[in-house]
Amino acid sequence: MTGAWSAHVLTLYPDMFPGPLGQSLAGRGLEEGAWELQVTNIRDHAIGKHRTVDDSPFGGGAGMVMRPDVLGNAIDAAKVASGNDKRVMYFSPRGRIMDQAFVREVSAGPGVILVCGRFEGIDQRVLDARDVEEVSLGDFILSGGEIAALAMLDAVVRLLPGVTGNQASLDEESFETGLLEYPHYTRPAVWEDLAVPEVLLSGHHEKIREWRQRRSEELTKQRRADLWDRWSDDKLK
């Protein structure tokens, strides 16, 4: 390990990685060593000649559950390979909702070990014994944790030094200020009889800043009442 921010993904489908993370800014950052990625097939720690990773749930019910001995061994091996300082996270509908504040928190650390579940879930004892954090992408269900892992890594990696060229542009994005981002426009100035707002062509930087702030506030109030209430409350404190 070089000391760069690193992720170690535990999955039954290792060919899904790096996937889109091997392209664009994230891919270039990976090639240049701005961040590191290790991927382990959970089945490498499977039980018996049939390489079993799951079993039926105690108490009955539909589906299968990932075995604690298999997953526990996989997590232990990942800690040895990538460091005990890494937070271990499992993608679950019960988890903390991932937001930009969480993404920044993760990007400021040394890296993560990401557990991608499948089937009906994983044995609770693994979560308890290995101090695994549960994280949710939102109130919907995916077939497994791989797409959630890709989404988290994309969100985190773009914040790392050396990945995004213009770091200043990150500070004005949606959620960074607590508001949705203002609208963007570029050439041509008139397209299909639709003109760019005149203030953006004025060259008056303060008026442009005020217009962008006002539009951010208006959009947030219209589309995300939860964000607007939180931002308004913070302003009053």
C-alpha atoms as a PDB file:
ATOM      1  CA  MET A   1       0.000   0.000   0.000  1.00  0.00           C
ATOM      2  CA  THR A   2       1.252   3.479  -0.875  1.00  0.00           C
ATOM      3  CA  GLY A   3      -0.646   5.499   1.697  1.00  0.00           C
ATOM      4  CA  ALA A   4      -3.232   6.715  -0.826  1.00  0.00           C
ATOM      5  CA  TRP A   5      -6.929   6.502   0.047  1.00  0.00           C
ATOM      6  CA  SER A   6      -7.943   2.915  -0.609  1.00  0.00           C
ATOM      7  CA  ALA A   7     -11.027   0.750  -0.896  1.00  0.00           C
ATOM      8  CA  HIS A   8     -11.237  -3.016  -0.467  1.00  0.00           C
ATOM      9  CA  VAL A   9     -14.450  -4.496  -1.863  1.00  0.00           C
ATOM     10  CA  LEU A  10     -15.763  -7.902  -0.779  1.00  0.00           C
ATOM     11  CA  THR A  11     -18.187  -9.266  -3.353  1.00  0.00           C
ATOM     12  CA  LEU A  12     -19.440 -12.427  -5.022  1.00  0.00           C
ATOM     13  CA  TYR A  13     -19.105 -10.639  -8.363  1.00  0.00           C
ATOM     14  CA  PRO A  14     -15.570  -9.237  -8.574  1.00  0.00           C
ATOM     15  CA  ASP A  15     -15.839  -8.665 -12.329  1.00  0.00           C
ATOM     16  CA  MET A  16     -18.180  -5.753 -11.588  1.00  0.00           C
ATOM     17  CA  PHE A  17     -15.142  -3.761 -10.400  1.00  0.00           C
ATOM     18  CA  PRO A  18     -13.715  -1.328 -11.236  1.00  0.00           C
ATOM     19  CA  GLY A  19     -16.507  -1.096 -13.814  1.00  0.00           C
ATOM     20  CA  PRO A  20     -17.356   2.581 -14.391  1.00  0.00           C
ATOM     21  CA  LEU A  21     -14.742   3.533 -11.810  1.00  0.00           C
ATOM     22  CA  GLY A  22     -12.113   2.541 -14.374  1.00  0.00           C
ATOM     23  CA  GLN A  23     -13.291   5.348 -16.660  1.00  0.00           C
ATOM     24  CA  SER A  24     -13.116   9.148 -16.683  1.00  0.00           C
ATOM     25  CA  LEU A  25     -11.655  11.012 -13.702  1.00  0.00           C
ATOM     26  CA  ALA A  26     -11.931   8.087 -11.269  1.00  0.00           C
ATOM     27  CA  GLY A  27     -10.200   5.766 -13.709  1.00  0.00           C
ATOM     28  CA  ARG A  28      -7.397   8.210 -14.366  1.00  0.00           C
ATOM     29  CA  GLY A  29      -6.988   8.755 -10.633  1.00  0.00           C
ATOM     30  CA  LEU A  30      -6.793   4.998 -10.139  1.00  0.00           C
ATOM     31  CA  GLU A  31      -4.123   4.676 -12.826  1.00  0.00           C
ATOM     32  CA  GLU A  32      -2.109   7.562 -11.391  1.00  0.00           C
ATOM     33  CA  GLY A  33      -2.284   6.300  -7.796  1.00  0.00           C
ATOM     34  CA  ALA A  34      -4.558   8.998  -6.370  1.00  0.00           C
ATOM     35  CA  TRP A  35      -6.587   6.133  -4.872  1.00  0.00           C
ATOM     36  CA  GLU A  36      -6.340   2.355  -4.717  1.00  0.00           C
ATOM     37  CA  LEU A  37      -8.817  -0.470  -5.181  1.00  0.00           C
ATOM     38  CA  GLN A  38      -8.624  -4.083  -4.062  1.00  0.00           C
ATOM     39  CA  VAL A  39     -11.382  -6.575  -4.843  1.00  0.00           C
ATOM     40  CA  THR A  40     -11.840  -9.947  -3.131  1.00  0.00           C
ATOM     41  CA  ASN A  41     -14.226 -12.673  -4.187  1.00  0.00           C
ATOM     42  CA  ILE A  42     -16.075 -13.723  -1.017  1.00  0.00           C
ATOM     43  CA  ARG A  43     -16.262 -17.219  -2.476  1.00  0.00           C
ATOM     44  CA  ASP A  44     -12.500 -17.514  -1.953  1.00  0.00           C
ATOM     45  CA  HIS A  45     -13.390 -17.990   1.730  1.00  0.00           C
ATOM     46  CA  ALA A  46     -16.249 -20.418   1.049  1.00  0.00           C
ATOM     47  CA  ILE A  47     -16.901 -23.631   2.957  1.00  0.00           C
ATOM     48  CA  GLY A  48     -16.326 -27.157   1.583  1.00  0.00           C
ATOM     49  CA  LYS A  49     -15.791 -28.506  -1.908  1.00  0.00           C
ATOM     50  CA  HIS A  50     -18.975 -26.861  -3.142  1.00  0.00           C
ATOM     51  CA  ARG A  51     -17.676 -23.434  -2.060  1.00  0.00           C
ATOM     52  CA  THR A  52     -20.821 -22.652  -0.098  1.00  0.00           C
ATOM     53  CA  VAL A  53     -21.287 -19.046   1.031  1.00  0.00           C
ATOM     54  CA  ASP A  54     -24.915 -19.080   2.188  1.00  0.00           C
ATOM     55  CA  ASP A  55     -27.447 -21.203   4.018  1.00  0.00           C
ATOM     56  CA  SER A  56     -31.143 -21.190   4.929  1.00  0.00           C
ATOM     57  CA  PRO A  57     -32.214 -18.852   7.747  1.00  0.00           C
ATOM     58  CA  PHE A  58     -32.799 -20.170  11.260  1.00  0.00           C
ATOM     59  CA  GLY A  59     -36.463 -19.800  12.117  1.00  0.00           C
ATOM     60  CA  GLY A  60     -37.519 -20.329   8.523  1.00  0.00           C
ATOM     61  CA  GLY A  61     -38.410 -17.833   5.851  1.00  0.00           C
ATOM     62  CA  ALA A  62     -37.714 -17.133   2.225  1.00  0.00           C
ATOM     63  CA  GLY A  63     -34.277 -16.862   0.663  1.00  0.00           C
ATOM     64  CA  MET A  64     -30.788 -17.565   1.902  1.00  0.00           C
ATOM     65  CA  VAL A  65     -28.413 -15.812   4.305  1.00  0.00           C
ATOM     66  CA  MET A  66     -24.667 -15.308   3.893  1.00  0.00           C
ATOM     67  CA  ARG A  67     -22.774 -17.421   6.415  1.00  0.00           C
ATOM     68  CA  PRO A  68     -20.933 -15.685   9.279  1.00  0.00           C
ATOM     69  CA  ASP A  69     -17.881 -17.957   9.108  1.00  0.00           C
ATOM     70  CA  VAL A  70     -17.372 -17.222   5.414  1.00  0.00           C
ATOM     71  CA  LEU A  71     -17.916 -13.476   5.628  1.00  0.00           C
ATOM     72  CA  GLY A  72     -16.064 -13.129   8.929  1.00  0.00           C
ATOM     73  CA  ASN A  73     -12.989 -14.738   7.394  1.00  0.00           C
ATOM     74  CA  ALA A  74     -13.270 -12.518   4.319  1.00  0.00           C
ATOM     75  CA  ILE A  75     -13.399  -9.362   6.453  1.00  0.00           C
ATOM     76  CA  ASP A  76     -10.461 -10.515   8.591  1.00  0.00           C
ATOM     77  CA  ALA A  77      -8.362 -11.193   5.505  1.00  0.00           C
ATOM     78  CA  ALA A  78      -9.265  -7.793   4.051  1.00  0.00           C
ATOM     79  CA  LYS A  79      -8.130  -6.090   7.246  1.00  0.00           C
ATOM     80  CA  VAL A  80      -4.789  -7.875   7.047  1.00  0.00           C
ATOM     81  CA  ALA A  81      -4.397  -6.971   3.382  1.00  0.00           C
ATOM     82  CA  SER A  82      -5.481  -3.345   3.529  1.00  0.00           C
ATOM     83  CA  GLY A  83      -5.095  -2.253   7.145  1.00  0.00           C
ATOM     84  CA  ASN A  84      -6.989  -2.359  10.430  1.00  0.00           C
ATOM     85  CA  ASP A  85      -7.587   1.400  10.253  1.00  0.00           C
ATOM     86  CA  LYS A  86     -10.257   0.991   7.577  1.00  0.00           C
ATOM     87  CA  ARG A  87     -13.944   1.378   8.435  1.00  0.00           C
ATOM     88  CA  VAL A  88     -15.966  -1.690   7.460  1.00  0.00           C
ATOM     89  CA  MET A  89     -19.311  -0.937   5.801  1.00  0.00           C
ATOM     90  CA  TYR A  90     -22.195  -3.073   4.637  1.00  0.00           C
ATOM     91  CA  PHE A  91     -24.926  -1.807   2.328  1.00  0.00           C
ATOM     92  CA  SER A  92     -28.319  -2.346   3.923  1.00  0.00           C
ATOM     93  CA  PRO A  93     -31.777  -0.686   3.904  1.00  0.00           C
ATOM     94  CA  ARG A  94     -31.398  -0.422   7.695  1.00  0.00           C
ATOM     95  CA  GLY A  95     -28.288   1.714   7.427  1.00  0.00           C
ATOM     96  CA  ARG A  96     -27.463   5.382   7.691  1.00  0.00           C
ATOM     97  CA  ILE A  97     -28.550   7.239   4.574  1.00  0.00           C
ATOM     98  CA  MET A  98     -25.527   8.254   2.537  1.00  0.00           C
ATOM     99  CA  ASP A  99     -25.404  12.012   2.009  1.00  0.00           C
ATOM    100  CA  GLN A 100     -22.698  14.471   1.010  1.00  0.00           C
ATOM    101  CA  ALA A 101     -21.616  15.074   4.606  1.00  0.00           C
ATOM    102  CA  PHE A 102     -21.087  11.327   5.006  1.00  0.00           C
ATOM    103  CA  VAL A 103     -19.187  11.155   1.723  1.00  0.00           C
ATOM    104  CA  ARG A 104     -16.842  13.933   2.840  1.00  0.00           C
ATOM    105  CA  GLU A 105     -16.327  12.175   6.165  1.00  0.00           C
ATOM    106  CA  VAL A 106     -15.353   8.959   4.394  1.00  0.00           C
ATOM    107  CA  SER A 107     -13.055  10.761   1.957  1.00  0.00           C
ATOM    108  CA  ALA A 108     -11.173  12.333   4.873  1.00  0.00           C
ATOM    109  CA  GLY A 109     -10.259   8.919   6.305  1.00  0.00           C
ATOM    110  CA  PRO A 110      -7.715   6.329   5.169  1.00  0.00           C
ATOM    111  CA  GLY A 111     -10.225   4.252   3.217  1.00  0.00           C
ATOM    112  CA  VAL A 112     -12.939   1.618   3.597  1.00  0.00           C
ATOM    113  CA  ILE A 113     -13.686  -2.075   3.407  1.00  0.00           C
ATOM    114  CA  LEU A 114     -17.028  -2.476   1.632  1.00  0.00           C
ATOM    115  CA  VAL A 115     -19.109  -5.623   2.086  1.00  0.00           C
ATOM    116  CA  CYS A 116     -21.509  -6.265  -0.785  1.00  0.00           C
ATOM    117  CA  GLY A 117     -24.322  -8.511   0.400  1.00  0.00           C
ATOM    118  CA  ARG A 118     -26.533 -10.776  -1.671  1.00  0.00           C
ATOM    119  CA  PHE A 119     -29.520 -13.055  -1.062  1.00  0.00           C
ATOM    120  CA  GLU A 120     -31.695 -12.058   1.926  1.00  0.00           C
ATOM    121  CA  GLY A 121     -28.774 -10.488   3.774  1.00  0.00           C
ATOM    122  CA  ILE A 122     -25.913 -11.531   6.026  1.00  0.00           C
ATOM    123  CA  ASP A 123     -25.794 -13.131   9.456  1.00  0.00           C
ATOM    124  CA  GLN A 124     -26.275 -10.455  12.131  1.00  0.00           C
ATOM    125  CA  ARG A 125     -23.396 -11.875  14.159  1.00  0.00           C
ATOM    126  CA  VAL A 126     -20.911 -10.694  11.537  1.00  0.00           C
ATOM    127  CA  LEU A 127     -22.171  -7.125  11.855  1.00  0.00           C
ATOM    128  CA  ASP A 128     -21.910  -7.272  15.628  1.00  0.00           C
ATOM    129  CA  ALA A 129     -18.576  -9.091  15.917  1.00  0.00           C
ATOM    130  CA  ARG A 130     -16.708  -7.082  13.280  1.00  0.00           C
ATOM    131  CA  ASP A 131     -18.132  -3.651  14.159  1.00  0.00           C
ATOM    132  CA  VAL A 132     -19.619  -3.261  10.678  1.00  0.00           C
ATOM    133  CA  GLU A 133     -21.397   0.006   9.834  1.00  0.00           C
ATOM    134  CA  GLU A 134     -24.615  -0.269   7.850  1.00  0.00           C
ATOM    135  CA  VAL A 135     -25.087   2.262   5.061  1.00  0.00           C
ATOM    136  CA  SER A 136     -28.065   2.836   2.762  1.00  0.00           C
ATOM    137  CA  LEU A 137     -28.192   4.510  -0.627  1.00  0.00           C
ATOM    138  CA  GLY A 138     -31.877   5.330  -0.170  1.00  0.00           C
ATOM    139  CA  ASP A 139     -35.331   3.913   0.355  1.00  0.00           C
ATOM    140  CA  PHE A 140     -35.280   1.320  -2.399  1.00  0.00           C
ATOM    141  CA  ILE A 141     -33.995  -2.239  -2.845  1.00  0.00           C
ATOM    142  CA  LEU A 142     -31.132  -3.397  -5.066  1.00  0.00           C
ATOM    143  CA  SER A 143     -30.207  -6.971  -5.971  1.00  0.00           C
ATOM    144  CA  GLY A 144     -26.934  -6.635  -4.070  1.00  0.00           C
ATOM    145  CA  GLY A 145     -24.449  -4.182  -2.677  1.00  0.00           C
ATOM    146  CA  GLU A 146     -22.232  -3.840  -5.739  1.00  0.00           C
ATOM    147  CA  ILE A 147     -24.064  -0.935  -7.382  1.00  0.00           C
ATOM    148  CA  ALA A 148     -24.253   0.824  -4.022  1.00  0.00           C
ATOM    149  CA  ALA A 149     -20.498   0.321  -3.582  1.00  0.00           C
ATOM    150  CA  LEU A 150     -19.812   1.773  -7.019  1.00  0.00           C
ATOM    151  CA  ALA A 151     -21.988   4.785  -6.212  1.00  0.00           C
ATOM    152  CA  MET A 152     -20.268   5.414  -2.884  1.00  0.00           C
ATOM    153  CA  LEU A 153     -16.798   5.056  -4.361  1.00  0.00           C
ATOM    154  CA  ASP A 154     -17.606   7.407  -7.223  1.00  0.00           C
ATOM    155  CA  ALA A 155     -18.906  10.022  -4.775  1.00  0.00           C
ATOM    156  CA  VAL A 156     -15.877   9.676  -2.488  1.00  0.00           C
ATOM    157  CA  VAL A 157     -13.112   9.363  -5.049  1.00  0.00           C
ATOM    158  CA  ARG A 158     -14.022  12.563  -6.892  1.00  0.00           C
ATOM    159  CA  LEU A 159     -13.305  14.491  -3.672  1.00  0.00           C
ATOM    160  CA  LEU A 160      -9.774  13.113  -3.317  1.00  0.00           C
ATOM    161  CA  PRO A 161      -6.795  15.322  -4.169  1.00  0.00           C
ATOM    162  CA  GLY A 162      -5.498  14.646  -7.644  1.00  0.00           C
ATOM    163  CA  VAL A 163      -8.753  13.203  -9.012  1.00  0.00           C
ATOM    164  CA  THR A 164     -10.888  16.220  -9.934  1.00  0.00           C
ATOM    165  CA  GLY A 165      -8.878  18.898 -11.691  1.00  0.00           C
ATOM    166  CA  ASN A 166     -10.799  21.940 -10.466  1.00  0.00           C
ATOM    167  CA  GLN A 167     -11.256  21.412  -6.731  1.00  0.00           C
ATOM    168  CA  ALA A 168     -12.959  24.809  -6.378  1.00  0.00           C
ATOM    169  CA  SER A 169     -15.853  23.599  -8.546  1.00  0.00           C
ATOM    170  CA  LEU A 170     -16.703  20.965  -5.914  1.00  0.00           C
ATOM    171  CA  ASP A 171     -17.543  23.603  -3.318  1.00  0.00           C
ATOM    172  CA  GLU A 172     -20.546  24.952  -5.242  1.00  0.00           C
ATOM    173  CA  GLU A 173     -22.221  21.661  -6.081  1.00  0.00           C
ATOM    174  CA  SER A 174     -25.604  20.546  -4.812  1.00  0.00           C
ATOM    175  CA  PHE A 175     -25.592  19.538  -1.120  1.00  0.00           C
ATOM    176  CA  GLU A 176     -22.162  21.079  -0.426  1.00  0.00           C
ATOM    177  CA  THR A 177     -23.756  24.341   0.729  1.00  0.00           C
ATOM    178  CA  GLY A 178     -26.942  22.722   2.002  1.00  0.00           C
ATOM    179  CA  LEU A 179     -28.829  23.860  -1.110  1.00  0.00           C
ATOM    180  CA  LEU A 180     -29.438  22.465  -4.576  1.00  0.00           C
ATOM    181  CA  GLU A 181     -27.115  23.854  -7.213  1.00  0.00           C
ATOM    182  CA  TYR A 182     -28.152  26.761  -9.433  1.00  0.00           C
ATOM    183  CA  PRO A 183     -28.853  26.212 -13.191  1.00  0.00           C
ATOM    184  CA  HIS A 184     -25.975  26.193 -15.682  1.00  0.00           C
ATOM    185  CA  TYR A 185     -25.804  27.668 -19.191  1.00  0.00           C
ATOM    186  CA  THR A 186     -23.229  27.740 -22.005  1.00  0.00           C
ATOM    187  CA  ARG A 187     -22.964  28.685 -25.697  1.00  0.00           C
ATOM    188  CA  PRO A 188     -24.925  29.426 -27.793  1.00  0.00           C
ATOM    189  CA  ALA A 189     -26.470  32.359 -25.950  1.00  0.00           C
ATOM    190  CA  VAL A 190     -29.790  31.723 -27.750  1.00  0.00           C
ATOM    191  CA  TRP A 191     -30.963  28.200 -28.554  1.00  0.00           C
ATOM    192  CA  GLU A 192     -34.408  27.359 -29.975  1.00  0.00           C
ATOM    193  CA  ASP A 193     -35.507  30.897 -29.062  1.00  0.00           C
ATOM    194  CA  LEU A 194     -34.449  30.306 -25.451  1.00  0.00           C
ATOM    195  CA  ALA A 195     -31.972  32.889 -24.172  1.00  0.00           C
ATOM    196  CA  VAL A 196     -29.429  32.657 -21.390  1.00  0.00           C
ATOM    197  CA  PRO A 197     -30.374  34.907 -18.418  1.00  0.00           C
ATOM    198  CA  GLU A 198     -28.918  38.350 -19.126  1.00  0.00           C
ATOM    199  CA  VAL A 199     -27.204  38.617 -15.756  1.00  0.00           C
ATOM    200  CA  LEU A 200     -24.882  35.757 -16.709  1.00  0.00           C
ATOM    201  CA  LEU A 201     -23.719  37.719 -19.745  1.00  0.00           C
ATOM    202  CA  SER A 202     -23.210  40.936 -17.786  1.00  0.00           C
ATOM    203  CA  GLY A 203     -19.719  40.247 -16.481  1.00  0.00           C
ATOM    204  CA  HIS A 204     -20.837  41.641 -13.109  1.00  0.00           C
ATOM    205  CA  HIS A 205     -19.516  39.002 -10.726  1.00  0.00           C
ATOM    206  CA  GLU A 206     -21.402  40.129  -7.634  1.00  0.00           C
ATOM    207  CA  LYS A 207     -24.736  40.236  -9.460  1.00  0.00           C
ATOM    208  CA  ILE A 208     -24.006  36.796 -10.911  1.00  0.00           C
ATOM    209  CA  ARG A 209     -23.202  35.450  -7.431  1.00  0.00           C
ATOM    210  CA  GLU A 210     -26.443  36.925  -6.053  1.00  0.00           C
ATOM    211  CA  TRP A 211     -28.481  35.476  -8.932  1.00  0.00           C
ATOM    212  CA  ARG A 212     -26.991  32.013  -8.436  1.00  0.00           C
ATOM    213  CA  GLN A 213     -27.620  32.126  -4.697  1.00  0.00           C
ATOM    214  CA  ARG A 214     -31.213  33.222  -5.235  1.00  0.00           C
ATOM    215  CA  ARG A 215     -31.863  30.494  -7.794  1.00  0.00           C
ATOM    216  CA  SER A 216     -30.329  27.862  -5.485  1.00  0.00           C
ATOM    217  CA  GLU A 217     -32.652  28.953  -2.701  1.00  0.00           C
ATOM    218  CA  GLU A 218     -35.703  28.981  -4.992  1.00  0.00           C
ATOM    219  CA  LEU A 219     -34.997  25.536  -6.436  1.00  0.00           C
ATOM    220  CA  THR A 220     -34.347  24.017  -3.028  1.00  0.00           C
ATOM    221  CA  LYS A 221     -37.540  25.487  -1.588  1.00  0.00           C
ATOM    222  CA  GLN A 222     -39.573  24.197  -4.556  1.00  0.00           C
ATOM    223  CA  ARG A 223     -38.095  20.733  -4.916  1.00  0.00           C
ATOM    224  CA  ARG A 224     -36.578  19.682  -1.597  1.00  0.00           C
ATOM    225  CA  ALA A 225     -38.559  21.029   1.348  1.00  0.00           C
ATOM    226  CA  ASP A 226     -36.493  18.875   3.709  1.00  0.00           C
ATOM    227  CA  LEU A 227     -33.241  20.519   2.619  1.00  0.00           C
ATOM    228  CA  TRP A 228     -34.815  23.958   2.669  1.00  0.00           C
ATOM    229  CA  ASP A 229     -36.085  23.548   6.232  1.00  0.00           C
ATOM    230  CA  ARG A 230     -32.711  22.292   7.409  1.00  0.00           C
ATOM    231  CA  TRP A 231     -30.823  25.106   5.661  1.00  0.00           C
ATOM    232  CA  SER A 232     -33.244  27.738   6.988  1.00  0.00           C
ATOM    233  CA  ASP A 233     -32.918  26.404  10.529  1.00  0.00           C
ATOM    234  CA  ASP A 234     -29.115  26.471  10.285  1.00  0.00           C
ATOM    235  CA  LYS A 235     -29.191  30.112   9.144  1.00  0.00           C
ATOM    236  CA  LEU A 236     -31.222  31.082  12.208  1.00  0.00           C
ATOM    237  CA  LYS A 237     -28.777  29.475  14.646  1.00  0.00           C
END
